[in-house]
Amino acid sequence: MGKGIESEKPILAFNDYNIRHVLHNEEWWYVVLDVIVALTDSSNPSLYLNAMRCRDPEFNKGWVQIVSPLPTP
């Protein structure tokens, strides 16, 4: 994994859903699409996320600051 990234358990179970996550600079980071599926039971989390971003301009405007890509297992 990349610099500052370590993970002992790359999969977290939440209500029978698996959420990928990594420890980066002593903070846990989660895969957004996995969280969306776990919270909404969406069959298409990418479409759900795009719809959320279209409905909320402020959320969309700050998207780059909220979501930072990290390598995941």
Protein backbone atom coordinates (compact mmCIF):
# COMPACT_ATOMS: atom_id res chain seq x y z
CA MET A 1 0.00 0.00 0.00
CA GLY A 2 1.01 3.63 -0.33
CA LYS A 3 3.00 5.75 2.09
CA GLY A 4 1.25 6.21 5.44
CA ILE A 5 -1.33 3.54 4.65
CA GLU A 6 -1.62 0.41 6.74
CA SER A 7 -4.44 -2.02 7.24
CA GLU A 8 -4.82 -5.09 9.37
CA LYS A 9 -8.47 -5.80 8.55
CA PRO A 10 -9.37 -4.38 5.13
CA ILE A 11 -13.04 -5.41 5.41
CA LEU A 12 -15.48 -4.16 8.04
CA ALA A 13 -18.87 -5.86 8.44
CA PHE A 14 -21.87 -3.59 9.03
CA ASN A 15 -25.36 -5.12 9.02
CA ASP A 16 -24.17 -7.96 6.76
CA TYR A 17 -22.51 -5.53 4.32
CA ASN A 18 -18.77 -5.38 3.80
CA ILE A 19 -17.15 -1.95 3.94
CA ARG A 20 -13.58 -1.65 2.73
CA HIS A 21 -11.37 0.63 4.80
CA VAL A 22 -7.74 1.51 5.41
CA LEU A 23 -5.81 3.16 8.21
CA HIS A 24 -4.13 6.26 6.75
CA ASN A 25 -2.05 8.58 8.95
CA GLU A 26 -3.72 7.15 12.07
CA GLU A 27 -7.26 7.80 10.71
CA TRP A 28 -9.73 5.26 9.34
CA TRP A 29 -10.83 5.96 5.76
CA TYR A 30 -13.82 4.15 4.23
CA VAL A 31 -14.96 3.37 0.67
CA VAL A 32 -17.89 5.74 0.09
CA LEU A 33 -19.74 3.42 -2.29
CA ASP A 34 -19.57 0.58 0.26
CA VAL A 35 -21.05 2.88 2.93
CA ILE A 36 -23.86 3.95 0.56
CA VAL A 37 -24.80 0.33 -0.10
CA ALA A 38 -24.78 -0.47 3.62
CA LEU A 39 -26.95 2.52 4.54
CA THR A 40 -29.37 2.55 1.59
CA ASP A 41 -29.35 -1.00 0.20
CA SER A 42 -28.94 0.60 -3.23
CA SER A 43 -28.32 -1.75 -6.13
CA ASN A 44 -26.44 1.04 -7.96
CA PRO A 45 -24.44 3.08 -5.42
CA SER A 46 -22.66 5.14 -8.10
CA LEU A 47 -25.99 6.34 -9.51
CA TYR A 48 -27.28 7.02 -5.98
CA LEU A 49 -24.17 9.07 -5.21
CA ASN A 50 -24.44 11.05 -8.47
CA ALA A 51 -28.09 11.83 -7.70
CA MET A 52 -27.10 13.05 -4.21
CA ARG A 53 -24.46 15.31 -5.70
CA CYS A 54 -26.94 16.74 -8.26
CA ARG A 55 -29.58 17.46 -5.58
CA ASP A 56 -27.18 19.19 -3.21
CA PRO A 57 -24.93 21.83 -4.85
CA GLU A 58 -23.04 22.56 -1.61
CA PHE A 59 -22.27 18.86 -1.12
CA ASN A 60 -21.11 18.61 -4.72
CA LYS A 61 -19.01 21.79 -4.47
CA GLY A 62 -17.03 20.39 -1.53
CA TRP A 63 -16.79 16.86 -2.93
CA VAL A 64 -13.06 17.04 -3.68
CA GLN A 65 -12.32 18.11 -0.10
CA ILE A 66 -14.59 15.36 1.34
CA VAL A 67 -13.44 12.44 -0.76
CA SER A 68 -9.77 11.65 -1.29
CA PRO A 69 -8.87 8.54 -3.27
CA LEU A 70 -6.68 6.03 -1.44
CA PRO A 71 -5.69 2.53 -2.53
CA THR A 72 -7.96 -0.12 -1.05
CA PRO A 73 -7.65 -3.88 -0.96
